[in-house]
Amino acid sequence: MMKKLLIGLFALLPTFTMAAGPTMPLMDANIDLRDKASLQRGAKLFMNYCLGCHQMQYQRYERTFRDIGIPVEIGKETLIFDDSKVGSHILNAMSKEDAAKWFGAAPPDLTLISRVKSPDYIYTYLKSFYRDESRPFGVNNVVFPLVGMPHVLQELQGLPMPITEEVVEGDETVTKVVGVETDGSGEMSDDEYDQAARDLTNFLAYVGEPSRLESEAIGIKVLGFLVIFFILAFFLKKEYWRDVH
């Protein structure tokens, strides 16, 4: 299993390292892995808008439902859209050949994307699409210039317009996109879309490390044990050395 995870991680790297660095500061995702309502909303967004192209080949439906508080039967009925079993990995039916033909390259698996990049990067990325008629899908992205995918959440956010500024580079003055401005054509208000982007980011962060909260809880218990052990050892040492002196 660990070998497969490492292979998946390195498979993701070339796709994302080719992207130019962000031309605007990353926004604070401010996620909370303990917020199960947010994780459930994020799972719904992923299954409805992302799974058609992006898989999670190292994450199972059943584990996901159990961790984020969705009863298995409800999850099976509302979040599995094909004949996958509840114990199956979260996969789609798109072949790599078709994906490469449609998008120029197969969309990456997203199981580990939050660890390859960061939650702040994902959140900013989801909020940084803008209209660009020169691109194949009519959109570009501030933090991932020349992005090769459509703005899948466009019906929710609308199609923002770019905010540009003139920048001097060497002897030339060039126009750069430094932000976006929403056009109000989406189903959601700006605040609602911000929350949706945060929910989806939260879910991807959970998938990247499903046992994180459990690990943190164990770590706290271990530290507590070490503190108690240290106190007992300290007084035991004093008791032994009392006879020596």
Protein backbone atom coordinates (compact mmCIF):
# COMPACT_ATOMS: atom_id res chain seq x y z
CA MET A 1 0.00 0.00 0.00
CA MET A 2 2.77 2.44 0.90
CA LYS A 3 4.50 1.68 -2.40
CA LYS A 4 1.33 2.55 -4.29
CA LEU A 5 0.95 5.79 -2.35
CA LEU A 6 4.50 6.84 -3.18
CA ILE A 7 3.99 6.00 -6.84
CA GLY A 8 0.83 8.10 -6.86
CA LEU A 9 2.59 10.99 -5.16
CA PHE A 10 5.43 11.06 -7.68
CA ALA A 11 2.96 10.69 -10.52
CA LEU A 12 1.29 13.91 -9.40
CA LEU A 13 4.46 15.95 -9.14
CA PRO A 14 5.22 16.50 -12.84
CA THR A 15 1.70 17.78 -13.52
CA PHE A 16 1.77 20.41 -10.83
CA THR A 17 5.42 21.45 -10.87
CA MET A 18 5.04 22.50 -14.50
CA ALA A 19 2.64 25.22 -13.42
CA ALA A 20 4.15 28.65 -12.92
CA GLY A 21 4.22 30.01 -9.41
CA PRO A 22 1.23 32.05 -8.26
CA THR A 23 1.20 35.72 -9.25
CA MET A 24 -0.84 36.68 -6.20
CA PRO A 25 -0.53 35.72 -2.51
CA LEU A 26 -2.28 32.54 -1.44
CA MET A 27 -5.45 33.00 0.58
CA ASP A 28 -5.94 31.43 4.00
CA ALA A 29 -8.19 28.40 3.57
CA ASN A 30 -9.03 28.41 7.28
CA ILE A 31 -10.30 24.83 7.18
CA ASP A 32 -11.39 22.69 10.12
CA LEU A 33 -11.09 18.92 9.80
CA ARG A 34 -13.38 18.54 12.82
CA ASP A 35 -16.25 20.28 11.00
CA LYS A 36 -18.12 17.25 9.65
CA ALA A 37 -20.86 19.37 8.09
CA SER A 38 -18.20 21.14 6.01
CA LEU A 39 -16.60 17.81 5.07
CA GLN A 40 -19.99 16.43 4.00
CA ARG A 41 -20.68 19.47 1.82
CA GLY A 42 -17.17 19.16 0.36
CA ALA A 43 -17.73 15.47 -0.43
CA LYS A 44 -20.98 16.35 -2.22
CA LEU A 45 -19.20 19.01 -4.29
CA PHE A 46 -16.38 16.63 -5.19
CA MET A 47 -18.69 13.79 -6.24
CA ASN A 48 -20.89 16.10 -8.32
CA TYR A 49 -18.33 18.39 -9.93
CA CYS A 50 -14.87 16.79 -9.77
CA LEU A 51 -15.18 13.00 -9.92
CA GLY A 52 -16.08 12.98 -13.59
CA CYS A 53 -12.43 13.76 -14.36
CA HIS A 54 -10.44 13.38 -11.13
CA GLN A 55 -10.21 10.09 -9.26
CA MET A 56 -9.21 9.25 -5.69
CA GLN A 57 -7.69 5.86 -6.28
CA TYR A 58 -6.34 5.49 -2.73
CA GLN A 59 -9.57 6.42 -0.92
CA ARG A 60 -12.63 4.20 -0.46
CA TYR A 61 -16.25 5.31 -0.33
CA GLU A 62 -16.99 3.41 2.88
CA ARG A 63 -14.01 4.85 4.75
CA THR A 64 -14.99 8.32 3.59
CA PHE A 65 -18.62 7.99 4.66
CA ARG A 66 -17.63 6.59 8.06
CA ASP A 67 -15.04 9.28 8.77
CA ILE A 68 -17.15 12.29 7.84
CA GLY A 69 -20.34 11.07 9.50
CA ILE A 70 -22.49 9.98 6.55
CA PRO A 71 -24.52 6.77 7.12
CA VAL A 72 -23.33 4.19 4.61
CA GLU A 73 -26.77 3.63 3.09
CA ILE A 74 -27.34 7.36 2.60
CA GLY A 75 -23.86 7.79 1.12
CA LYS A 76 -24.43 4.87 -1.23
CA GLU A 77 -27.76 6.29 -2.36
CA THR A 78 -26.74 9.94 -2.78
CA LEU A 79 -23.00 10.04 -3.49
CA ILE A 80 -22.25 6.94 -5.59
CA PHE A 81 -23.42 7.60 -9.13
CA ASP A 82 -22.37 4.36 -10.84
CA ASP A 83 -22.38 0.66 -9.99
CA SER A 84 -19.38 0.93 -7.64
CA LYS A 85 -19.62 -1.00 -4.39
CA VAL A 86 -19.51 0.96 -1.17
CA GLY A 87 -16.16 -0.66 -0.41
CA SER A 88 -14.67 0.39 -3.76
CA HIS A 89 -12.08 3.08 -4.33
CA ILE A 90 -13.41 6.41 -5.60
CA LEU A 91 -12.83 6.04 -9.34
CA ASN A 92 -14.42 7.27 -12.55
CA ALA A 93 -14.95 5.67 -15.94
CA MET A 94 -12.74 8.02 -17.97
CA SER A 95 -9.86 6.29 -19.73
CA LYS A 96 -6.42 7.89 -19.78
CA GLU A 97 -6.51 7.90 -23.57
CA ASP A 98 -9.77 9.86 -23.70
CA ALA A 99 -8.58 12.21 -20.97
CA ALA A 100 -5.37 12.97 -22.84
CA LYS A 101 -7.33 13.59 -26.05
CA TRP A 102 -9.82 15.95 -24.40
CA PHE A 103 -7.55 17.82 -21.97
CA GLY A 104 -4.06 17.36 -23.42
CA ALA A 105 -3.06 15.30 -20.38
CA ALA A 106 -4.85 12.93 -18.04
CA PRO A 107 -6.33 14.83 -15.04
CA PRO A 108 -4.31 13.97 -11.93
CA ASP A 109 -5.53 11.78 -9.12
CA LEU A 110 -6.51 14.04 -6.22
CA THR A 111 -6.03 11.72 -3.25
CA LEU A 112 -2.82 13.44 -2.20
CA ILE A 113 -3.20 16.86 -3.80
CA SER A 114 -3.49 18.68 -0.47
CA ARG A 115 -0.14 17.24 0.57
CA VAL A 116 1.57 17.83 -2.77
CA LYS A 117 0.41 21.45 -2.77
CA SER A 118 -1.41 22.83 0.32
CA PRO A 119 -4.97 23.64 1.43
CA ASP A 120 -4.25 27.36 0.93
CA TYR A 121 -3.16 26.68 -2.67
CA ILE A 122 -6.27 24.61 -3.43
CA TYR A 123 -8.60 27.21 -1.91
CA THR A 124 -6.93 30.05 -3.82
CA TYR A 125 -6.95 27.99 -7.03
CA LEU A 126 -10.70 27.38 -6.76
CA LYS A 127 -11.26 31.14 -6.40
CA SER A 128 -8.88 32.23 -9.16
CA PHE A 129 -10.49 31.19 -12.44
CA TYR A 130 -11.24 34.02 -14.87
CA ARG A 131 -12.54 34.56 -18.39
CA ASP A 132 -9.89 34.09 -21.09
CA GLU A 133 -11.24 33.53 -24.60
CA SER A 134 -7.78 32.56 -25.85
CA ARG A 135 -7.84 29.33 -23.84
CA PRO A 136 -9.49 26.10 -25.13
CA PHE A 137 -12.13 26.11 -22.35
CA GLY A 138 -12.48 29.89 -22.25
CA VAL A 139 -10.91 30.23 -18.80
CA ASN A 140 -7.52 30.69 -17.19
CA ASN A 141 -6.33 30.69 -13.60
CA VAL A 142 -4.20 33.21 -11.72
CA VAL A 143 -2.28 30.66 -9.61
CA PHE A 144 -2.05 28.07 -12.43
CA PRO A 145 -1.52 30.01 -15.67
CA LEU A 146 -2.54 28.19 -18.87
CA VAL A 147 -4.65 25.76 -16.86
CA GLY A 148 -5.90 22.88 -18.99
CA MET A 149 -9.31 22.33 -17.38
CA PRO A 150 -12.66 24.12 -17.45
CA HIS A 151 -13.99 26.04 -14.46
CA VAL A 152 -16.14 23.18 -13.21
CA LEU A 153 -17.74 25.30 -10.49
CA GLN A 154 -18.70 28.05 -12.96
CA GLU A 155 -22.42 27.54 -12.49
CA LEU A 156 -21.92 28.21 -8.77
CA GLN A 157 -19.47 31.12 -8.94
CA GLY A 158 -20.13 32.55 -12.38
CA LEU A 159 -17.22 33.52 -14.63
CA PRO A 160 -15.00 36.15 -12.99
CA MET A 161 -13.24 38.83 -14.99
CA PRO A 162 -9.47 39.34 -14.62
CA ILE A 163 -7.97 42.22 -12.65
CA THR A 164 -4.81 43.36 -14.40
CA GLU A 165 -1.96 45.74 -13.74
CA GLU A 166 1.02 46.99 -15.73
CA VAL A 167 4.33 45.53 -14.57
CA VAL A 168 7.80 46.51 -15.73
CA GLU A 169 9.98 43.52 -16.61
CA GLY A 170 13.40 44.53 -17.85
CA ASP A 171 12.89 47.03 -20.65
CA GLU A 172 9.27 46.08 -21.25
CA THR A 173 5.96 46.88 -19.62
CA VAL A 174 3.68 43.86 -19.55
CA THR A 175 0.10 43.35 -18.43
CA LYS A 176 -0.34 40.73 -15.72
CA VAL A 177 -3.44 39.25 -14.13
CA VAL A 178 -3.20 39.78 -10.38
CA GLY A 179 -6.71 38.87 -9.26
CA VAL A 180 -10.30 38.26 -10.31
CA GLU A 181 -13.62 40.05 -9.94
CA THR A 182 -16.85 38.05 -9.90
CA ASP A 183 -19.55 38.94 -12.42
CA GLY A 184 -22.57 37.91 -10.35
CA SER A 185 -23.76 35.32 -12.89
CA GLY A 186 -23.37 32.30 -10.58
CA GLU A 187 -25.99 30.57 -8.49
CA MET A 188 -24.14 31.51 -5.29
CA SER A 189 -23.26 34.83 -3.72
CA ASP A 190 -19.58 35.60 -3.18
CA ASP A 191 -19.83 34.53 0.47
CA GLU A 192 -21.62 31.31 -0.43
CA TYR A 193 -19.02 30.43 -3.04
CA ASP A 194 -16.21 31.20 -0.60
CA GLN A 195 -17.76 28.67 1.79
CA ALA A 196 -18.18 26.11 -1.00
CA ALA A 197 -14.52 26.48 -1.99
CA ARG A 198 -13.53 26.12 1.67
CA ASP A 199 -15.71 23.00 2.06
CA LEU A 200 -14.19 21.35 -1.02
CA THR A 201 -10.69 22.26 0.19
CA ASN A 202 -11.51 20.83 3.62
CA PHE A 203 -12.63 17.55 2.06
CA LEU A 204 -9.48 17.27 -0.09
CA ALA A 205 -7.34 17.99 2.98
CA TYR A 206 -9.12 15.19 4.87
CA VAL A 207 -8.62 12.73 2.00
CA GLY A 208 -4.91 13.57 1.87
CA GLU A 209 -4.51 12.38 5.47
CA PRO A 210 -7.65 10.58 6.69
CA SER A 211 -6.14 9.50 10.00
CA ARG A 212 -4.74 12.93 10.94
CA LEU A 213 -7.21 13.68 13.75
CA GLU A 214 -6.78 10.18 15.15
CA SER A 215 -3.00 10.55 15.00
CA GLU A 216 -3.16 13.91 16.76
CA ALA A 217 -5.36 12.42 19.50
CA ILE A 218 -2.91 9.55 20.00
CA GLY A 219 -0.03 12.03 20.07
CA ILE A 220 -1.69 14.04 22.84
CA LYS A 221 -2.23 10.85 24.86
CA VAL A 222 1.41 9.83 24.36
CA LEU A 223 2.62 13.25 25.50
CA GLY A 224 0.35 13.03 28.54
CA PHE A 225 1.77 9.60 29.37
CA LEU A 226 5.34 10.91 29.03
CA VAL A 227 4.60 13.83 31.37
CA ILE A 228 3.15 11.47 34.01
CA PHE A 229 6.05 9.04 33.52
CA PHE A 230 8.56 11.89 33.91
CA ILE A 231 6.96 12.99 37.18
CA LEU A 232 6.97 9.45 38.56
CA ALA A 233 10.56 8.90 37.41
CA PHE A 234 11.63 12.19 39.01
CA PHE A 235 10.23 11.31 42.42
CA LEU A 236 11.52 7.73 42.13
CA LYS A 237 15.02 9.10 41.44
CA LYS A 238 14.78 11.35 44.50
CA GLU A 239 13.74 8.37 46.60
CA TYR A 240 16.66 6.22 45.42
CA TRP A 241 19.27 8.98 45.82
CA ARG A 242 18.08 9.82 49.30
CA ASP A 243 19.79 6.69 50.66
CA VAL A 244 22.96 7.40 48.68
CA HIS A 245 23.39 10.83 50.25
